[in-house]
Amino acid sequence: MACSGSDEDGTSAPIKRSDAAKDAREEDTTTPPAPVREAGPAPIPVTCPIGTAVEVESNDTPEEANAFTETMFCGTLSSGDDVDYATFDTPPGKKLTVFQGIINGKVDFELSVGGSKFGPGDVDKFTSGTYLVKVFTKGADPASYRFRIQFD
């Protein structure tokens, strides 16, 4: 089947298929696909020593906190909006005496026990009981963390 078009003088002239395809390509006004974007910074890997409790999602609320009995805990924060919670109990007759955090990124910790909230440096507030640890980032990038606890 032949196509036709008009010459400059208005008369009809046959158009070859290759010319029709070329004309269609030149007149194509569709938007090319957008370039593939990176999905933001890559997650930061966390190294968890043997015997360390490892974060398990979903632990984004106090009700979903990861309960652990080990003396070390580690995890990652995937973005600036990610928050992790973990909980542990002090052994009978003992109290928390050390909370040591190791971080990669802008990570902060908030501890609470018996209705009191404090930071890891507030050693004078450490006591016995069930602790809730909130781990969050003050930045927008992924981060990783580990913390170690000790009782005396």
C-alpha atoms as a PDB file:
ATOM      1  CA  MET A   1       0.000   0.000   0.000  1.00  0.00           C
ATOM      2  CA  ALA A   2       1.423   3.367  -0.990  1.00  0.00           C
ATOM      3  CA  CYS A   3       1.158   6.554   0.981  1.00  0.00           C
ATOM      4  CA  SER A   4       0.806   9.933  -0.591  1.00  0.00           C
ATOM      5  CA  GLY A   5       1.683  13.435   0.368  1.00  0.00           C
ATOM      6  CA  SER A   6       1.825  16.789  -1.375  1.00  0.00           C
ATOM      7  CA  ASP A   7       4.593  18.381  -3.308  1.00  0.00           C
ATOM      8  CA  GLU A   8       5.396  22.055  -3.032  1.00  0.00           C
ATOM      9  CA  ASP A   9       2.992  22.747  -5.905  1.00  0.00           C
ATOM     10  CA  GLY A  10       0.143  20.988  -4.057  1.00  0.00           C
ATOM     11  CA  THR A  11       0.042  17.950  -6.314  1.00  0.00           C
ATOM     12  CA  SER A  12      -0.060  14.521  -4.820  1.00  0.00           C
ATOM     13  CA  ALA A  13       3.131  12.483  -4.911  1.00  0.00           C
ATOM     14  CA  PRO A  14       3.802   8.973  -3.667  1.00  0.00           C
ATOM     15  CA  ILE A  15       5.855   8.738  -0.475  1.00  0.00           C
ATOM     16  CA  LYS A  16       8.132   5.783   0.022  1.00  0.00           C
ATOM     17  CA  ARG A  17       7.737   3.868   3.275  1.00  0.00           C
ATOM     18  CA  SER A  18      11.236   4.841   4.378  1.00  0.00           C
ATOM     19  CA  ASP A  19      10.358   8.539   3.836  1.00  0.00           C
ATOM     20  CA  ALA A  20       7.116   8.113   5.821  1.00  0.00           C
ATOM     21  CA  ALA A  21       8.998   6.492   8.716  1.00  0.00           C
ATOM     22  CA  LYS A  22      11.568   9.301   8.639  1.00  0.00           C
ATOM     23  CA  ASP A  23       8.791  11.923   8.678  1.00  0.00           C
ATOM     24  CA  ALA A  24       7.112  10.155  11.635  1.00  0.00           C
ATOM     25  CA  ARG A  25      10.403  10.113  13.583  1.00  0.00           C
ATOM     26  CA  GLU A  26      10.977  13.796  12.918  1.00  0.00           C
ATOM     27  CA  GLU A  27       7.452  14.682  14.050  1.00  0.00           C
ATOM     28  CA  ASP A  28       7.539  12.443  17.158  1.00  0.00           C
ATOM     29  CA  THR A  29       6.901  14.741  20.086  1.00  0.00           C
ATOM     30  CA  THR A  30       6.711  12.117  22.827  1.00  0.00           C
ATOM     31  CA  THR A  31       8.850  12.725  25.875  1.00  0.00           C
ATOM     32  CA  PRO A  32      11.755  10.329  26.211  1.00  0.00           C
ATOM     33  CA  PRO A  33      11.814   8.255  29.398  1.00  0.00           C
ATOM     34  CA  ALA A  34      13.365   9.971  32.392  1.00  0.00           C
ATOM     35  CA  PRO A  35      16.862   8.866  33.307  1.00  0.00           C
ATOM     36  CA  VAL A  36      17.091   6.308  36.082  1.00  0.00           C
ATOM     37  CA  ARG A  37      17.905   8.000  39.361  1.00  0.00           C
ATOM     38  CA  GLU A  38      19.808   6.557  42.223  1.00  0.00           C
ATOM     39  CA  ALA A  39      17.580   5.848  45.221  1.00  0.00           C
ATOM     40  CA  GLY A  40      19.631   7.963  47.607  1.00  0.00           C
ATOM     41  CA  PRO A  41      22.646   6.965  49.643  1.00  0.00           C
ATOM     42  CA  ALA A  42      23.343   3.278  49.973  1.00  0.00           C
ATOM     43  CA  PRO A  43      22.598   1.765  53.370  1.00  0.00           C
ATOM     44  CA  ILE A  44      25.521   1.670  55.764  1.00  0.00           C
ATOM     45  CA  PRO A  45      26.485  -1.885  56.632  1.00  0.00           C
ATOM     46  CA  VAL A  46      26.763  -2.764  60.300  1.00  0.00           C
ATOM     47  CA  THR A  47      29.220  -5.237  61.710  1.00  0.00           C
ATOM     48  CA  CYS A  48      27.692  -7.258  64.516  1.00  0.00           C
ATOM     49  CA  PRO A  49      30.132  -9.305  66.588  1.00  0.00           C
ATOM     50  CA  ILE A  50      29.196 -12.897  67.401  1.00  0.00           C
ATOM     51  CA  GLY A  51      26.841 -12.980  70.374  1.00  0.00           C
ATOM     52  CA  THR A  52      25.242  -9.624  69.534  1.00  0.00           C
ATOM     53  CA  ALA A  53      21.468  -9.217  69.291  1.00  0.00           C
ATOM     54  CA  VAL A  54      20.574  -7.919  65.821  1.00  0.00           C
ATOM     55  CA  GLU A  55      17.748  -5.526  65.024  1.00  0.00           C
ATOM     56  CA  VAL A  56      14.703  -7.048  63.338  1.00  0.00           C
ATOM     57  CA  GLU A  57      12.141  -4.862  61.549  1.00  0.00           C
ATOM     58  CA  SER A  58       9.507  -3.782  62.302  1.00  0.00           C
ATOM     59  CA  ASN A  59      10.763  -2.142  65.473  1.00  0.00           C
ATOM     60  CA  ASP A  60       9.688   1.416  64.719  1.00  0.00           C
ATOM     61  CA  THR A  61       7.479   1.937  67.788  1.00  0.00           C
ATOM     62  CA  PRO A  62       7.904   1.187  71.499  1.00  0.00           C
ATOM     63  CA  GLU A  63       5.247  -1.533  71.164  1.00  0.00           C
ATOM     64  CA  GLU A  64       7.329  -3.254  68.445  1.00  0.00           C
ATOM     65  CA  ALA A  65      10.651  -2.941  70.324  1.00  0.00           C
ATOM     66  CA  ASN A  66      13.113  -5.803  69.865  1.00  0.00           C
ATOM     67  CA  ALA A  67      13.500  -7.515  73.254  1.00  0.00           C
ATOM     68  CA  PHE A  68      16.977  -8.898  73.846  1.00  0.00           C
ATOM     69  CA  THR A  69      18.990 -10.574  76.614  1.00  0.00           C
ATOM     70  CA  GLU A  70      22.493 -10.230  75.155  1.00  0.00           C
ATOM     71  CA  THR A  71      24.833  -7.474  76.357  1.00  0.00           C
ATOM     72  CA  MET A  72      25.246  -6.053  72.825  1.00  0.00           C
ATOM     73  CA  PHE A  73      22.711  -4.916  70.214  1.00  0.00           C
ATOM     74  CA  CYS A  74      23.237  -3.620  66.667  1.00  0.00           C
ATOM     75  CA  GLY A  75      21.181  -2.299  63.781  1.00  0.00           C
ATOM     76  CA  THR A  76      20.799   0.230  60.990  1.00  0.00           C
ATOM     77  CA  LEU A  77      18.710   3.285  60.341  1.00  0.00           C
ATOM     78  CA  SER A  78      17.661   3.345  56.685  1.00  0.00           C
ATOM     79  CA  SER A  79      16.871   7.092  56.559  1.00  0.00           C
ATOM     80  CA  GLY A  80      16.469  10.197  58.643  1.00  0.00           C
ATOM     81  CA  ASP A  81      12.888   9.143  59.404  1.00  0.00           C
ATOM     82  CA  ASP A  82      13.755   5.650  60.647  1.00  0.00           C
ATOM     83  CA  VAL A  83      13.598   5.042  64.402  1.00  0.00           C
ATOM     84  CA  ASP A  84      14.485   1.772  66.113  1.00  0.00           C
ATOM     85  CA  TYR A  85      13.420   0.562  69.541  1.00  0.00           C
ATOM     86  CA  ALA A  86      14.901  -2.178  71.695  1.00  0.00           C
ATOM     87  CA  THR A  87      14.169  -3.297  75.229  1.00  0.00           C
ATOM     88  CA  PHE A  88      16.042  -5.213  77.913  1.00  0.00           C
ATOM     89  CA  ASP A  89      15.666  -6.076  81.592  1.00  0.00           C
ATOM     90  CA  THR A  90      18.355  -5.698  84.216  1.00  0.00           C
ATOM     91  CA  PRO A  91      19.120  -8.983  86.001  1.00  0.00           C
ATOM     92  CA  PRO A  92      17.657  -9.364  89.515  1.00  0.00           C
ATOM     93  CA  GLY A  93      19.740  -7.552  92.128  1.00  0.00           C
ATOM     94  CA  LYS A  94      21.707  -5.626  89.452  1.00  0.00           C
ATOM     95  CA  LYS A  95      21.466  -2.206  87.863  1.00  0.00           C
ATOM     96  CA  LEU A  96      22.645  -0.821  84.533  1.00  0.00           C
ATOM     97  CA  THR A  97      26.103   0.704  84.954  1.00  0.00           C
ATOM     98  CA  VAL A  98      27.393   1.047  81.364  1.00  0.00           C
ATOM     99  CA  PHE A  99      25.716   2.034  78.091  1.00  0.00           C
ATOM    100  CA  GLN A 100      28.307   2.429  75.367  1.00  0.00           C
ATOM    101  CA  GLY A 101      27.283   3.330  71.822  1.00  0.00           C
ATOM    102  CA  ILE A 102      29.351   2.821  68.673  1.00  0.00           C
ATOM    103  CA  ILE A 103      27.944   4.682  65.696  1.00  0.00           C
ATOM    104  CA  ASN A 104      28.514   5.222  61.988  1.00  0.00           C
ATOM    105  CA  GLY A 105      26.579   8.350  61.050  1.00  0.00           C
ATOM    106  CA  LYS A 106      24.580  10.838  63.121  1.00  0.00           C
ATOM    107  CA  VAL A 107      22.989   8.439  65.610  1.00  0.00           C
ATOM    108  CA  ASP A 108      21.616   9.284  69.031  1.00  0.00           C
ATOM    109  CA  PHE A 109      20.115   7.195  71.840  1.00  0.00           C
ATOM    110  CA  GLU A 110      17.380   7.866  74.360  1.00  0.00           C
ATOM    111  CA  LEU A 111      16.901   5.527  77.304  1.00  0.00           C
ATOM    112  CA  SER A 112      13.832   5.277  79.479  1.00  0.00           C
ATOM    113  CA  VAL A 113      13.069   3.228  82.562  1.00  0.00           C
ATOM    114  CA  GLY A 114      10.335   3.644  85.142  1.00  0.00           C
ATOM    115  CA  GLY A 115       8.898   6.677  83.335  1.00  0.00           C
ATOM    116  CA  SER A 116      12.216   8.601  83.271  1.00  0.00           C
ATOM    117  CA  LYS A 117      13.930   9.504  80.000  1.00  0.00           C
ATOM    118  CA  PHE A 118      17.634  10.265  79.726  1.00  0.00           C
ATOM    119  CA  GLY A 119      20.676   9.955  77.507  1.00  0.00           C
ATOM    120  CA  PRO A 120      23.467   7.381  77.599  1.00  0.00           C
ATOM    121  CA  GLY A 121      25.740   9.855  79.389  1.00  0.00           C
ATOM    122  CA  ASP A 122      23.334  10.321  82.318  1.00  0.00           C
ATOM    123  CA  VAL A 123      24.954   7.514  84.308  1.00  0.00           C
ATOM    124  CA  ASP A 124      23.605   8.841  87.619  1.00  0.00           C
ATOM    125  CA  LYS A 125      20.075   8.034  86.363  1.00  0.00           C
ATOM    126  CA  PHE A 126      20.896   4.384  85.560  1.00  0.00           C
ATOM    127  CA  THR A 127      18.935   1.974  87.731  1.00  0.00           C
ATOM    128  CA  SER A 128      17.372  -1.465  87.572  1.00  0.00           C
ATOM    129  CA  GLY A 129      14.199  -2.285  85.660  1.00  0.00           C
ATOM    130  CA  THR A 130      12.975  -2.710  82.108  1.00  0.00           C
ATOM    131  CA  TYR A 131      14.727  -0.329  79.720  1.00  0.00           C
ATOM    132  CA  LEU A 132      13.417   0.997  76.426  1.00  0.00           C
ATOM    133  CA  VAL A 133      16.137   2.226  74.064  1.00  0.00           C
ATOM    134  CA  LYS A 134      15.158   4.597  71.260  1.00  0.00           C
ATOM    135  CA  VAL A 135      17.719   4.864  68.437  1.00  0.00           C
ATOM    136  CA  PHE A 136      17.347   7.676  65.922  1.00  0.00           C
ATOM    137  CA  THR A 137      19.394   9.810  63.574  1.00  0.00           C
ATOM    138  CA  LYS A 138      19.814  13.563  63.525  1.00  0.00           C
ATOM    139  CA  GLY A 139      20.685  13.461  59.825  1.00  0.00           C
ATOM    140  CA  ALA A 140      18.996  12.406  56.605  1.00  0.00           C
ATOM    141  CA  ASP A 141      21.452   9.691  55.576  1.00  0.00           C
ATOM    142  CA  PRO A 142      21.428   6.023  56.563  1.00  0.00           C
ATOM    143  CA  ALA A 143      23.437   5.137  59.657  1.00  0.00           C
ATOM    144  CA  SER A 144      24.449   2.114  61.699  1.00  0.00           C
ATOM    145  CA  TYR A 145      24.926   1.574  65.391  1.00  0.00           C
ATOM    146  CA  ARG A 146      25.880  -0.844  68.114  1.00  0.00           C
ATOM    147  CA  PHE A 147      25.543  -0.500  71.822  1.00  0.00           C
ATOM    148  CA  ARG A 148      26.892  -2.445  74.744  1.00  0.00           C
ATOM    149  CA  ILE A 149      25.360  -2.649  78.196  1.00  0.00           C
ATOM    150  CA  GLN A 150      26.827  -3.796  81.493  1.00  0.00           C
ATOM    151  CA  PHE A 151      25.255  -4.517  84.886  1.00  0.00           C
ATOM    152  CA  ASP A 152      26.777  -4.431  88.382  1.00  0.00           C
END
